[in-house]
Amino acid sequence: MRIGIVGLPNVGKSSLFNLLTKAGAAVETYPFTTIDANHGMAVLADPTLDRLGRMLSPQKLTLAQIEVIDIAGLIKDAHKGEGLGNRFLGHIRDVDLVLHVIRGFADKNIPHVFDTVDPCRDREIVLSELALADLEIVERRLAEKRKKPQARDEVNLLERYRLLISKAAFSLNGSYTDDEVLCLKSCGLLIPRPRIDVLNLPDRCSSVELRGAYRLSVELEEGLEGFDPGEREELRRGITVDSRGVNGLAEEARRVLGLIRFYTIKGSEVRAWLITEGSTVHEAAAKIHTDIAEGFIKAEVVGVSDLIEAGSWREASASGKLKVEGKDYIVQDQDVLLVKFR
């Protein structure tokens, strides 16, 4: 799974990327500091893994990660290639979730492409560019598919979608089945991708609002090093942003992507993994290593809470909390797996 960070220039995209990934990407106060997309891995904080660590005292705790891409800033008429538009739009087609960073702060040292702070306007500009790029793709694809009688279902779907976005609707609003959404994404369309709007606010109280957006202050988050978790939450609440901060944003991304965690205990390492909800234990085994999936025999499974209550793998087995499952078992959130393989 990949997350792409998008938005207008100078809204805090690269700074957010650095907070999520600790990658140290260049951050400047002029547009298009990011030309080639930056790639990094966001580590997901996990209190459950910490609890397992305290119980088992392994030499190594490994948190789950999601790939994050910091994409060049977009400007009006990007769908026509203005600015770095073509590169910007191409990178979005490679991601599964869009984090749309929207400026909610005024700073004379960081120029705004429109001089004034207006999150609603800025959100609409970016989404309009994505929709216009989609319209171009839809028109080309319809011209091709209408010649093929066997493509009637796809033609009907594309015509419905064209009508939707021509009305400046920037969300599918549950009007499409999962298979239809998958088909639209496979065509390279942008609006059907799930999106989280991130309103980037100053490090002080602000009256700026944006309906449905995750409220975050990148500036505040950058200054929280050295504060304990309770102090961080209190400081965030003091300026009316989400008390979970950047870790909460990563968790929201995981939730929107439909990912769950499972855990493995091997030797001196306890590790968290991410997998799509509804996946089988055989697919989880492949996530760990292809050899494990190919030689799969069975999986021993216990829920984290049951394992912690029992105090050890052996006690969980003795108390009947541990189950033995075949390859078709559907992995549950917070499962701990021990896969047996040839």
C-alpha atoms as a PDB file:
ATOM      1  CA  MET A   1       0.000   0.000   0.000  1.00  0.00           C
ATOM      2  CA  ARG A   2       1.179   3.513  -0.824  1.00  0.00           C
ATOM      3  CA  ILE A   3       0.138   6.888   0.540  1.00  0.00           C
ATOM      4  CA  GLY A   4       0.687  10.013  -1.571  1.00  0.00           C
ATOM      5  CA  ILE A   5       0.951  13.496  -0.018  1.00  0.00           C
ATOM      6  CA  VAL A   6      -0.457  16.157  -2.357  1.00  0.00           C
ATOM      7  CA  GLY A   7      -1.469  19.809  -2.296  1.00  0.00           C
ATOM      8  CA  LEU A   8      -0.628  23.276  -3.549  1.00  0.00           C
ATOM      9  CA  PRO A   9       2.956  24.552  -3.153  1.00  0.00           C
ATOM     10  CA  ASN A  10       4.083  25.785   0.291  1.00  0.00           C
ATOM     11  CA  VAL A  11       1.353  24.081   2.309  1.00  0.00           C
ATOM     12  CA  GLY A  12       3.653  21.836   4.384  1.00  0.00           C
ATOM     13  CA  LYS A  13       3.693  18.620   2.333  1.00  0.00           C
ATOM     14  CA  SER A  14       7.403  17.868   2.681  1.00  0.00           C
ATOM     15  CA  SER A  15       7.395  18.833   6.352  1.00  0.00           C
ATOM     16  CA  LEU A  16       4.553  16.376   6.959  1.00  0.00           C
ATOM     17  CA  PHE A  17       6.422  13.759   4.935  1.00  0.00           C
ATOM     18  CA  ASN A  18       9.443  14.218   7.208  1.00  0.00           C
ATOM     19  CA  LEU A  19       7.306  13.911  10.339  1.00  0.00           C
ATOM     20  CA  LEU A  20       5.796  10.660   9.081  1.00  0.00           C
ATOM     21  CA  THR A  21       8.990   9.084   7.729  1.00  0.00           C
ATOM     22  CA  LYS A  22      11.937  10.849   9.447  1.00  0.00           C
ATOM     23  CA  ALA A  23      13.429  10.957   5.927  1.00  0.00           C
ATOM     24  CA  GLY A  24      14.854  14.501   6.060  1.00  0.00           C
ATOM     25  CA  ALA A  25      13.525  15.657   2.671  1.00  0.00           C
ATOM     26  CA  ALA A  26      14.433  19.219   1.610  1.00  0.00           C
ATOM     27  CA  VAL A  27      12.026  21.876   2.889  1.00  0.00           C
ATOM     28  CA  GLU A  28      12.202  25.430   1.491  1.00  0.00           C
ATOM     29  CA  THR A  29       9.904  28.440   1.289  1.00  0.00           C
ATOM     30  CA  TYR A  30       9.671  28.586  -2.491  1.00  0.00           C
ATOM     31  CA  PRO A  31       7.329  26.574  -4.756  1.00  0.00           C
ATOM     32  CA  PHE A  32       8.435  23.247  -6.264  1.00  0.00           C
ATOM     33  CA  THR A  33      11.172  22.464  -3.759  1.00  0.00           C
ATOM     34  CA  THR A  34      10.023  18.891  -4.417  1.00  0.00           C
ATOM     35  CA  ILE A  35      10.473  18.045  -8.101  1.00  0.00           C
ATOM     36  CA  ASP A  36      11.195  14.333  -8.035  1.00  0.00           C
ATOM     37  CA  ALA A  37       8.883  12.568  -5.585  1.00  0.00           C
ATOM     38  CA  ASN A  38      10.384  11.664  -2.212  1.00  0.00           C
ATOM     39  CA  HIS A  39       9.809   8.109  -0.977  1.00  0.00           C
ATOM     40  CA  GLY A  40       9.927   6.948   2.635  1.00  0.00           C
ATOM     41  CA  MET A  41       8.346   4.576   5.149  1.00  0.00           C
ATOM     42  CA  ALA A  42       5.963   5.761   7.866  1.00  0.00           C
ATOM     43  CA  VAL A  43       6.279   3.758  11.075  1.00  0.00           C
ATOM     44  CA  LEU A  44       2.950   3.213  12.857  1.00  0.00           C
ATOM     45  CA  ALA A  45       3.052   3.685  16.625  1.00  0.00           C
ATOM     46  CA  ASP A  46       1.597   0.610  18.321  1.00  0.00           C
ATOM     47  CA  PRO A  47       0.796   0.422  22.063  1.00  0.00           C
ATOM     48  CA  THR A  48      -0.121  -3.259  21.647  1.00  0.00           C
ATOM     49  CA  LEU A  49       3.352  -4.095  20.361  1.00  0.00           C
ATOM     50  CA  ASP A  50       4.773  -2.215  23.345  1.00  0.00           C
ATOM     51  CA  ARG A  51       2.687  -4.412  25.666  1.00  0.00           C
ATOM     52  CA  LEU A  52       3.965  -7.561  23.951  1.00  0.00           C
ATOM     53  CA  GLY A  53       7.493  -6.213  24.329  1.00  0.00           C
ATOM     54  CA  ARG A  54       7.064  -5.667  28.054  1.00  0.00           C
ATOM     55  CA  MET A  55       5.734  -9.207  28.450  1.00  0.00           C
ATOM     56  CA  LEU A  56       8.242 -11.065  26.251  1.00  0.00           C
ATOM     57  CA  SER A  57      11.326  -8.809  26.547  1.00  0.00           C
ATOM     58  CA  PRO A  58      12.566  -9.522  22.999  1.00  0.00           C
ATOM     59  CA  GLN A  59      15.824  -8.092  21.705  1.00  0.00           C
ATOM     60  CA  LYS A  60      13.944  -6.406  18.864  1.00  0.00           C
ATOM     61  CA  LEU A  61      10.499  -4.856  18.409  1.00  0.00           C
ATOM     62  CA  THR A  62       9.584  -4.051  14.788  1.00  0.00           C
ATOM     63  CA  LEU A  63       6.679  -1.708  14.088  1.00  0.00           C
ATOM     64  CA  ALA A  64       4.481  -1.959  10.991  1.00  0.00           C
ATOM     65  CA  GLN A  65       5.203   0.485   8.162  1.00  0.00           C
ATOM     66  CA  ILE A  66       3.422   2.079   5.185  1.00  0.00           C
ATOM     67  CA  GLU A  67       5.158   3.587   2.167  1.00  0.00           C
ATOM     68  CA  VAL A  68       4.675   7.358   1.787  1.00  0.00           C
ATOM     69  CA  ILE A  69       5.362   9.468  -1.313  1.00  0.00           C
ATOM     70  CA  ASP A  70       5.843  13.245  -1.175  1.00  0.00           C
ATOM     71  CA  ILE A  71       4.555  14.522  -4.521  1.00  0.00           C
ATOM     72  CA  ALA A  72       5.434  17.832  -6.208  1.00  0.00           C
ATOM     73  CA  GLY A  73       3.070  20.748  -5.607  1.00  0.00           C
ATOM     74  CA  LEU A  74       0.135  21.271  -7.934  1.00  0.00           C
ATOM     75  CA  ILE A  75      -1.060  24.564  -9.411  1.00  0.00           C
ATOM     76  CA  LYS A  76      -4.123  25.604 -11.393  1.00  0.00           C
ATOM     77  CA  ASP A  77      -4.227  24.050 -14.889  1.00  0.00           C
ATOM     78  CA  ALA A  78      -1.983  21.180 -13.820  1.00  0.00           C
ATOM     79  CA  HIS A  79      -4.172  18.878 -15.934  1.00  0.00           C
ATOM     80  CA  LYS A  80      -2.871  20.856 -18.956  1.00  0.00           C
ATOM     81  CA  GLY A  81       0.718  20.334 -17.818  1.00  0.00           C
ATOM     82  CA  GLU A  82       1.148  23.661 -16.023  1.00  0.00           C
ATOM     83  CA  GLY A  83       3.864  23.710 -13.358  1.00  0.00           C
ATOM     84  CA  LEU A  84       4.810  20.099 -12.710  1.00  0.00           C
ATOM     85  CA  GLY A  85       1.264  18.983 -13.440  1.00  0.00           C
ATOM     86  CA  ASN A  86       1.933  15.927 -15.598  1.00  0.00           C
ATOM     87  CA  ARG A  87       4.485  14.555 -13.141  1.00  0.00           C
ATOM     88  CA  PHE A  88       2.204  15.356 -10.201  1.00  0.00           C
ATOM     89  CA  LEU A  89      -0.806  13.585 -11.688  1.00  0.00           C
ATOM     90  CA  GLY A  90       1.255  10.601 -12.775  1.00  0.00           C
ATOM     91  CA  HIS A  91       2.550  10.036  -9.248  1.00  0.00           C
ATOM     92  CA  ILE A  92      -0.987  10.130  -7.792  1.00  0.00           C
ATOM     93  CA  ARG A  93      -1.971   7.256 -10.064  1.00  0.00           C
ATOM     94  CA  ASP A  94       0.610   5.117  -8.237  1.00  0.00           C
ATOM     95  CA  VAL A  95      -0.900   5.543  -4.761  1.00  0.00           C
ATOM     96  CA  ASP A  96      -3.737   3.856  -2.874  1.00  0.00           C
ATOM     97  CA  LEU A  97      -4.586   6.774  -0.582  1.00  0.00           C
ATOM     98  CA  VAL A  98      -4.199  10.527  -0.962  1.00  0.00           C
ATOM     99  CA  LEU A  99      -3.276  12.791   1.970  1.00  0.00           C
ATOM    100  CA  HIS A 100      -4.343  16.223   0.724  1.00  0.00           C
ATOM    101  CA  VAL A 101      -2.515  18.885   2.753  1.00  0.00           C
ATOM    102  CA  ILE A 102      -4.369  22.202   2.839  1.00  0.00           C
ATOM    103  CA  ARG A 103      -2.912  25.400   4.213  1.00  0.00           C
ATOM    104  CA  GLY A 104      -4.623  26.862   7.274  1.00  0.00           C
ATOM    105  CA  PHE A 105      -1.843  29.176   8.450  1.00  0.00           C
ATOM    106  CA  ALA A 106      -0.602  32.644   7.483  1.00  0.00           C
ATOM    107  CA  ASP A 107       3.147  33.276   7.449  1.00  0.00           C
ATOM    108  CA  LYS A 108       4.758  36.205   5.642  1.00  0.00           C
ATOM    109  CA  ASN A 109       7.987  34.190   5.379  1.00  0.00           C
ATOM    110  CA  ILE A 110       6.251  31.389   3.478  1.00  0.00           C
ATOM    111  CA  PRO A 111       4.547  32.806   0.385  1.00  0.00           C
ATOM    112  CA  HIS A 112       1.063  31.585  -0.456  1.00  0.00           C
ATOM    113  CA  VAL A 113       0.300  31.025  -4.137  1.00  0.00           C
ATOM    114  CA  PHE A 114      -2.938  33.034  -3.697  1.00  0.00           C
ATOM    115  CA  ASP A 115      -1.792  35.483  -0.983  1.00  0.00           C
ATOM    116  CA  THR A 116      -4.762  34.696   1.292  1.00  0.00           C
ATOM    117  CA  VAL A 117      -5.625  31.715   3.502  1.00  0.00           C
ATOM    118  CA  ASP A 118      -8.786  30.039   2.191  1.00  0.00           C
ATOM    119  CA  PRO A 119      -8.830  26.251   2.730  1.00  0.00           C
ATOM    120  CA  CYS A 120     -12.163  25.711   0.925  1.00  0.00           C
ATOM    121  CA  ARG A 121     -10.887  27.487  -2.204  1.00  0.00           C
ATOM    122  CA  ASP A 122      -7.563  25.642  -2.127  1.00  0.00           C
ATOM    123  CA  ARG A 123      -9.216  22.242  -1.698  1.00  0.00           C
ATOM    124  CA  GLU A 124     -11.525  22.890  -4.620  1.00  0.00           C
ATOM    125  CA  ILE A 125      -8.634  23.954  -6.875  1.00  0.00           C
ATOM    126  CA  VAL A 126      -6.734  20.723  -6.287  1.00  0.00           C
ATOM    127  CA  LEU A 127      -9.804  18.497  -6.603  1.00  0.00           C
ATOM    128  CA  SER A 128     -10.921  20.340  -9.744  1.00  0.00           C
ATOM    129  CA  GLU A 129      -7.553  19.611 -11.357  1.00  0.00           C
ATOM    130  CA  LEU A 130      -7.883  15.920 -10.477  1.00  0.00           C
ATOM    131  CA  ALA A 131     -11.414  15.856 -11.883  1.00  0.00           C
ATOM    132  CA  LEU A 132     -10.399  17.601 -15.117  1.00  0.00           C
ATOM    133  CA  ALA A 133      -7.541  15.140 -15.576  1.00  0.00           C
ATOM    134  CA  ASP A 134     -10.063  12.321 -15.045  1.00  0.00           C
ATOM    135  CA  LEU A 135     -12.418  13.787 -17.652  1.00  0.00           C
ATOM    136  CA  GLU A 136      -9.663  13.692 -20.255  1.00  0.00           C
ATOM    137  CA  ILE A 137      -8.976  10.030 -19.492  1.00  0.00           C
ATOM    138  CA  VAL A 138     -12.692   9.161 -19.537  1.00  0.00           C
ATOM    139  CA  GLU A 139     -13.263  10.835 -22.914  1.00  0.00           C
ATOM    140  CA  ARG A 140     -10.327   8.992 -24.488  1.00  0.00           C
ATOM    141  CA  ARG A 141     -11.379   5.667 -23.001  1.00  0.00           C
ATOM    142  CA  LEU A 142     -15.018   6.073 -24.045  1.00  0.00           C
ATOM    143  CA  ALA A 143     -13.967   6.827 -27.618  1.00  0.00           C
ATOM    144  CA  GLU A 144     -12.044   3.545 -27.623  1.00  0.00           C
ATOM    145  CA  LYS A 145     -14.506   1.334 -25.710  1.00  0.00           C
ATOM    146  CA  ARG A 146     -17.667   2.386 -27.559  1.00  0.00           C
ATOM    147  CA  LYS A 147     -16.312   0.515 -30.591  1.00  0.00           C
ATOM    148  CA  LYS A 148     -16.316  -2.759 -28.624  1.00  0.00           C
ATOM    149  CA  PRO A 149     -19.736  -4.338 -27.892  1.00  0.00           C
ATOM    150  CA  GLN A 150     -18.223  -6.499 -25.128  1.00  0.00           C
ATOM    151  CA  ALA A 151     -17.222  -3.337 -23.243  1.00  0.00           C
ATOM    152  CA  ARG A 152     -20.801  -2.142 -22.712  1.00  0.00           C
ATOM    153  CA  ASP A 153     -20.652  -2.428 -18.907  1.00  0.00           C
ATOM    154  CA  GLU A 154     -17.459  -0.389 -18.737  1.00  0.00           C
ATOM    155  CA  VAL A 155     -18.908   2.230 -21.101  1.00  0.00           C
ATOM    156  CA  ASN A 156     -21.990   2.585 -18.870  1.00  0.00           C
ATOM    157  CA  LEU A 157     -19.784   2.911 -15.794  1.00  0.00           C
ATOM    158  CA  LEU A 158     -17.574   5.557 -17.389  1.00  0.00           C
ATOM    159  CA  GLU A 159     -20.582   7.549 -18.580  1.00  0.00           C
ATOM    160  CA  ARG A 160     -22.019   7.531 -15.056  1.00  0.00           C
ATOM    161  CA  TYR A 161     -18.679   8.674 -13.710  1.00  0.00           C
ATOM    162  CA  ARG A 162     -18.334  11.416 -16.324  1.00  0.00           C
ATOM    163  CA  LEU A 163     -21.753  12.757 -15.347  1.00  0.00           C
ATOM    164  CA  LEU A 164     -20.785  12.724 -11.667  1.00  0.00           C
ATOM    165  CA  ILE A 165     -17.577  14.717 -11.965  1.00  0.00           C
ATOM    166  CA  SER A 166     -18.980  17.096 -14.571  1.00  0.00           C
ATOM    167  CA  LYS A 167     -21.228  18.285 -11.726  1.00  0.00           C
ATOM    168  CA  ALA A 168     -18.120  19.084  -9.648  1.00  0.00           C
ATOM    169  CA  ALA A 169     -18.778  16.129  -7.320  1.00  0.00           C
ATOM    170  CA  PHE A 170     -15.405  15.168  -5.871  1.00  0.00           C
ATOM    171  CA  SER A 171     -16.538  12.067  -3.993  1.00  0.00           C
ATOM    172  CA  LEU A 172     -18.177   8.841  -5.153  1.00  0.00           C
ATOM    173  CA  ASN A 173     -20.503   9.070  -2.115  1.00  0.00           C
ATOM    174  CA  GLY A 174     -21.130   5.323  -1.946  1.00  0.00           C
ATOM    175  CA  SER A 175     -22.807   5.347  -5.375  1.00  0.00           C
ATOM    176  CA  TYR A 176     -20.524   2.655  -6.771  1.00  0.00           C
ATOM    177  CA  THR A 177     -19.865  -0.960  -5.824  1.00  0.00           C
ATOM    178  CA  ASP A 178     -16.399  -2.062  -4.710  1.00  0.00           C
ATOM    179  CA  ASP A 179     -15.857  -3.730  -8.086  1.00  0.00           C
ATOM    180  CA  GLU A 180     -16.861  -0.545  -9.915  1.00  0.00           C
ATOM    181  CA  VAL A 181     -14.478   1.547  -7.831  1.00  0.00           C
ATOM    182  CA  LEU A 182     -11.708  -0.948  -8.553  1.00  0.00           C
ATOM    183  CA  CYS A 183     -12.457  -0.686 -12.278  1.00  0.00           C
ATOM    184  CA  LEU A 184     -12.346   3.127 -12.172  1.00  0.00           C
ATOM    185  CA  LYS A 185      -9.004   3.071 -10.356  1.00  0.00           C
ATOM    186  CA  SER A 186      -7.605   0.581 -12.870  1.00  0.00           C
ATOM    187  CA  CYS A 187      -8.377   3.109 -15.610  1.00  0.00           C
ATOM    188  CA  GLY A 188      -5.945   5.522 -13.940  1.00  0.00           C
ATOM    189  CA  LEU A 189      -8.657   7.806 -12.553  1.00  0.00           C
ATOM    190  CA  LEU A 190      -7.805   9.974  -9.546  1.00  0.00           C
ATOM    191  CA  ILE A 191     -10.995  11.040  -7.754  1.00  0.00           C
ATOM    192  CA  PRO A 192     -12.030   7.434  -6.917  1.00  0.00           C
ATOM    193  CA  ARG A 193      -8.940   7.022  -4.718  1.00  0.00           C
ATOM    194  CA  PRO A 194      -9.661   7.413  -0.998  1.00  0.00           C
ATOM    195  CA  ARG A 195      -8.560  10.760   0.409  1.00  0.00           C
ATOM    196  CA  ILE A 196      -7.909  12.336   3.786  1.00  0.00           C
ATOM    197  CA  ASP A 197      -7.904  16.138   3.885  1.00  0.00           C
ATOM    198  CA  VAL A 198      -5.284  17.461   6.320  1.00  0.00           C
ATOM    199  CA  LEU A 199      -5.754  21.046   7.490  1.00  0.00           C
ATOM    200  CA  ASN A 200      -2.285  22.322   8.430  1.00  0.00           C
ATOM    201  CA  LEU A 201      -2.742  24.949  11.153  1.00  0.00           C
ATOM    202  CA  PRO A 202      -0.339  27.278  13.020  1.00  0.00           C
ATOM    203  CA  ASP A 203       1.099  26.333  16.419  1.00  0.00           C
ATOM    204  CA  ARG A 204      -1.405  28.561  18.220  1.00  0.00           C
ATOM    205  CA  CYS A 205      -5.191  28.781  18.452  1.00  0.00           C
ATOM    206  CA  SER A 206      -6.806  29.432  15.081  1.00  0.00           C
ATOM    207  CA  SER A 207     -10.372  29.997  13.917  1.00  0.00           C
ATOM    208  CA  VAL A 208      -9.687  28.449  10.510  1.00  0.00           C
ATOM    209  CA  GLU A 209     -12.061  25.561   9.767  1.00  0.00           C
ATOM    210  CA  LEU A 210     -12.450  22.989   6.997  1.00  0.00           C
ATOM    211  CA  ARG A 211     -15.281  20.512   7.196  1.00  0.00           C
ATOM    212  CA  GLY A 212     -14.224  16.884   7.450  1.00  0.00           C
ATOM    213  CA  ALA A 213     -10.481  17.622   7.586  1.00  0.00           C
ATOM    214  CA  TYR A 214      -7.979  16.139  10.015  1.00  0.00           C
ATOM    215  CA  ARG A 215      -6.722  19.087  12.068  1.00  0.00           C
ATOM    216  CA  LEU A 216      -2.945  19.074  12.480  1.00  0.00           C
ATOM    217  CA  SER A 217      -0.222  21.633  13.155  1.00  0.00           C
ATOM    218  CA  VAL A 218       2.973  20.544  11.424  1.00  0.00           C
ATOM    219  CA  GLU A 219       4.764  23.465  13.106  1.00  0.00           C
ATOM    220  CA  LEU A 220       3.674  22.281  16.556  1.00  0.00           C
ATOM    221  CA  GLU A 221       4.552  18.632  15.801  1.00  0.00           C
ATOM    222  CA  GLU A 222       8.067  19.673  14.807  1.00  0.00           C
ATOM    223  CA  GLY A 223       8.563  21.234  18.233  1.00  0.00           C
ATOM    224  CA  LEU A 224       7.246  18.395  20.402  1.00  0.00           C
ATOM    225  CA  GLU A 225      10.509  16.453  20.644  1.00  0.00           C
ATOM    226  CA  GLY A 226      11.279  15.847  24.311  1.00  0.00           C
ATOM    227  CA  PHE A 227       7.691  16.141  25.564  1.00  0.00           C
ATOM    228  CA  ASP A 228       6.029  13.063  27.030  1.00  0.00           C
ATOM    229  CA  PRO A 229       2.829  11.712  25.385  1.00  0.00           C
ATOM    230  CA  GLY A 230       0.496  13.316  27.916  1.00  0.00           C
ATOM    231  CA  GLU A 231       2.075  16.735  27.463  1.00  0.00           C
ATOM    232  CA  ARG A 232       1.883  16.414  23.692  1.00  0.00           C
ATOM    233  CA  GLU A 233      -1.828  15.657  23.814  1.00  0.00           C
ATOM    234  CA  GLU A 234      -2.453  18.600  26.128  1.00  0.00           C
ATOM    235  CA  LEU A 235      -0.551  21.007  23.868  1.00  0.00           C
ATOM    236  CA  ARG A 236      -2.509  19.816  20.834  1.00  0.00           C
ATOM    237  CA  ARG A 237      -5.843  20.220  22.595  1.00  0.00           C
ATOM    238  CA  GLY A 238      -4.773  23.715  23.620  1.00  0.00           C
ATOM    239  CA  ILE A 239      -4.750  24.837  19.987  1.00  0.00           C
ATOM    240  CA  THR A 240      -7.804  22.741  18.964  1.00  0.00           C
ATOM    241  CA  VAL A 241      -6.037  20.261  16.689  1.00  0.00           C
ATOM    242  CA  ASP A 242      -6.477  16.469  16.865  1.00  0.00           C
ATOM    243  CA  SER A 243      -4.900  15.332  20.142  1.00  0.00           C
ATOM    244  CA  ARG A 244      -3.378  12.272  18.410  1.00  0.00           C
ATOM    245  CA  GLY A 245      -1.130  14.381  16.199  1.00  0.00           C
ATOM    246  CA  VAL A 246       0.842  12.874  13.349  1.00  0.00           C
ATOM    247  CA  ASN A 247       0.565   9.333  14.772  1.00  0.00           C
ATOM    248  CA  GLY A 248      -3.199   9.682  14.696  1.00  0.00           C
ATOM    249  CA  LEU A 249      -3.048  10.723  11.057  1.00  0.00           C
ATOM    250  CA  ALA A 250      -1.059   7.583  10.221  1.00  0.00           C
ATOM    251  CA  GLU A 251      -3.686   5.507  12.055  1.00  0.00           C
ATOM    252  CA  GLU A 252      -6.470   7.217  10.092  1.00  0.00           C
ATOM    253  CA  ALA A 253      -4.656   6.309   6.885  1.00  0.00           C
ATOM    254  CA  ARG A 254      -4.420   2.674   8.006  1.00  0.00           C
ATOM    255  CA  ARG A 255      -8.134   2.619   8.802  1.00  0.00           C
ATOM    256  CA  VAL A 256      -9.184   4.191   5.484  1.00  0.00           C
ATOM    257  CA  LEU A 257      -6.981   1.716   3.598  1.00  0.00           C
ATOM    258  CA  GLY A 258      -8.760  -1.159   5.351  1.00  0.00           C
ATOM    259  CA  LEU A 259      -5.567  -2.536   6.897  1.00  0.00           C
ATOM    260  CA  ILE A 260      -5.378  -4.581  10.094  1.00  0.00           C
ATOM    261  CA  ARG A 261      -2.394  -5.588  12.220  1.00  0.00           C
ATOM    262  CA  PHE A 262      -1.154  -9.052  13.005  1.00  0.00           C
ATOM    263  CA  TYR A 263       1.930 -10.039  14.969  1.00  0.00           C
ATOM    264  CA  THR A 264       4.650 -12.659  14.808  1.00  0.00           C
ATOM    265  CA  ILE A 265       7.076 -13.847  17.468  1.00  0.00           C
ATOM    266  CA  LYS A 266      10.223 -15.370  16.054  1.00  0.00           C
ATOM    267  CA  GLY A 267      13.374 -15.895  18.088  1.00  0.00           C
ATOM    268  CA  SER A 268      14.364 -12.568  19.575  1.00  0.00           C
ATOM    269  CA  GLU A 269      12.010 -10.428  17.462  1.00  0.00           C
ATOM    270  CA  VAL A 270       8.357  -9.475  17.950  1.00  0.00           C
ATOM    271  CA  ARG A 271       6.999  -7.829  14.831  1.00  0.00           C
ATOM    272  CA  ALA A 272       3.824  -6.075  13.703  1.00  0.00           C
ATOM    273  CA  TRP A 273       2.566  -6.466  10.143  1.00  0.00           C
ATOM    274  CA  LEU A 274      -0.176  -4.826   8.085  1.00  0.00           C
ATOM    275  CA  ILE A 275      -2.525  -6.752   5.833  1.00  0.00           C
ATOM    276  CA  THR A 276      -5.819  -5.972   4.091  1.00  0.00           C
ATOM    277  CA  GLU A 277      -8.852  -6.819   6.188  1.00  0.00           C
ATOM    278  CA  GLY A 278     -10.368 -10.109   4.998  1.00  0.00           C
ATOM    279  CA  SER A 279      -7.026 -11.671   4.048  1.00  0.00           C
ATOM    280  CA  THR A 280      -6.334 -15.344   4.741  1.00  0.00           C
ATOM    281  CA  VAL A 281      -3.574 -16.657   6.954  1.00  0.00           C
ATOM    282  CA  HIS A 282      -1.949 -18.048   3.792  1.00  0.00           C
ATOM    283  CA  GLU A 283      -1.753 -14.479   2.424  1.00  0.00           C
ATOM    284  CA  ALA A 284      -0.335 -13.361   5.763  1.00  0.00           C
ATOM    285  CA  ALA A 285       2.303 -16.086   5.487  1.00  0.00           C
ATOM    286  CA  ALA A 286       3.270 -14.760   2.048  1.00  0.00           C
ATOM    287  CA  LYS A 287       3.630 -11.309   3.585  1.00  0.00           C
ATOM    288  CA  ILE A 288       6.161 -12.732   6.030  1.00  0.00           C
ATOM    289  CA  HIS A 289       8.098 -14.687   3.370  1.00  0.00           C
ATOM    290  CA  THR A 290       7.175 -16.408   0.109  1.00  0.00           C
ATOM    291  CA  ASP A 291       8.899 -19.618   1.235  1.00  0.00           C
ATOM    292  CA  ILE A 292       6.631 -19.771   4.287  1.00  0.00           C
ATOM    293  CA  ALA A 293       3.533 -19.475   2.087  1.00  0.00           C
ATOM    294  CA  GLU A 294       4.766 -22.079  -0.383  1.00  0.00           C
ATOM    295  CA  GLY A 295       5.467 -24.618   2.375  1.00  0.00           C
ATOM    296  CA  PHE A 296       2.435 -23.721   4.506  1.00  0.00           C
ATOM    297  CA  ILE A 297       1.187 -26.541   6.746  1.00  0.00           C
ATOM    298  CA  LYS A 298      -0.866 -24.829   9.453  1.00  0.00           C
ATOM    299  CA  ALA A 299      -0.965 -21.746  11.653  1.00  0.00           C
ATOM    300  CA  GLU A 300      -1.225 -21.464  15.400  1.00  0.00           C
ATOM    301  CA  VAL A 301      -3.312 -18.380  16.237  1.00  0.00           C
ATOM    302  CA  VAL A 302      -4.046 -16.512  19.446  1.00  0.00           C
ATOM    303  CA  GLY A 303      -5.458 -13.037  20.043  1.00  0.00           C
ATOM    304  CA  VAL A 304      -3.086 -10.505  21.601  1.00  0.00           C
ATOM    305  CA  SER A 305      -5.304  -9.913  24.646  1.00  0.00           C
ATOM    306  CA  ASP A 306      -5.557 -13.671  25.287  1.00  0.00           C
ATOM    307  CA  LEU A 307      -1.794 -14.085  24.949  1.00  0.00           C
ATOM    308  CA  ILE A 308      -1.066 -11.228  27.350  1.00  0.00           C
ATOM    309  CA  GLU A 309      -3.614 -12.560  29.832  1.00  0.00           C
ATOM    310  CA  ALA A 310      -2.057 -16.047  29.641  1.00  0.00           C
ATOM    311  CA  GLY A 311       1.452 -14.666  30.005  1.00  0.00           C
ATOM    312  CA  SER A 312       3.153 -16.945  27.478  1.00  0.00           C
ATOM    313  CA  TRP A 313       2.550 -18.941  24.315  1.00  0.00           C
ATOM    314  CA  ARG A 314       2.658 -22.205  26.293  1.00  0.00           C
ATOM    315  CA  GLU A 315       0.097 -21.027  28.838  1.00  0.00           C
ATOM    316  CA  ALA A 316      -2.183 -19.726  26.072  1.00  0.00           C
ATOM    317  CA  SER A 317      -2.090 -23.192  24.502  1.00  0.00           C
ATOM    318  CA  ALA A 318      -2.659 -24.965  27.831  1.00  0.00           C
ATOM    319  CA  SER A 319      -5.686 -22.776  28.607  1.00  0.00           C
ATOM    320  CA  GLY A 320      -7.303 -23.472  25.222  1.00  0.00           C
ATOM    321  CA  LYS A 321      -6.893 -19.932  23.906  1.00  0.00           C
ATOM    322  CA  LEU A 322      -4.662 -21.011  21.017  1.00  0.00           C
ATOM    323  CA  LYS A 323      -6.278 -22.290  17.820  1.00  0.00           C
ATOM    324  CA  VAL A 324      -4.814 -24.323  14.970  1.00  0.00           C
ATOM    325  CA  GLU A 325      -6.020 -23.071  11.581  1.00  0.00           C
ATOM    326  CA  GLY A 326      -5.653 -24.014   7.918  1.00  0.00           C
ATOM    327  CA  LYS A 327      -4.714 -21.723   5.061  1.00  0.00           C
ATOM    328  CA  ASP A 328      -8.269 -20.406   4.535  1.00  0.00           C
ATOM    329  CA  TYR A 329      -8.534 -18.913   8.030  1.00  0.00           C
ATOM    330  CA  ILE A 330      -9.356 -15.179   7.880  1.00  0.00           C
ATOM    331  CA  VAL A 331      -6.839 -13.203   9.905  1.00  0.00           C
ATOM    332  CA  GLN A 332      -8.403 -11.007  12.594  1.00  0.00           C
ATOM    333  CA  ASP A 333      -7.073  -7.673  13.790  1.00  0.00           C
ATOM    334  CA  GLN A 334      -4.567  -8.211  16.646  1.00  0.00           C
ATOM    335  CA  ASP A 335      -3.988 -11.903  15.897  1.00  0.00           C
ATOM    336  CA  VAL A 336      -0.613 -13.360  16.823  1.00  0.00           C
ATOM    337  CA  LEU A 337       0.494 -16.013  14.301  1.00  0.00           C
ATOM    338  CA  LEU A 338       2.956 -18.853  14.368  1.00  0.00           C
ATOM    339  CA  VAL A 339       3.053 -20.425  10.903  1.00  0.00           C
ATOM    340  CA  LYS A 340       4.301 -23.968  10.511  1.00  0.00           C
ATOM    341  CA  PHE A 341       5.773 -24.739   7.093  1.00  0.00           C
ATOM    342  CA  ARG A 342       7.878 -27.285   5.278  1.00  0.00           C
END
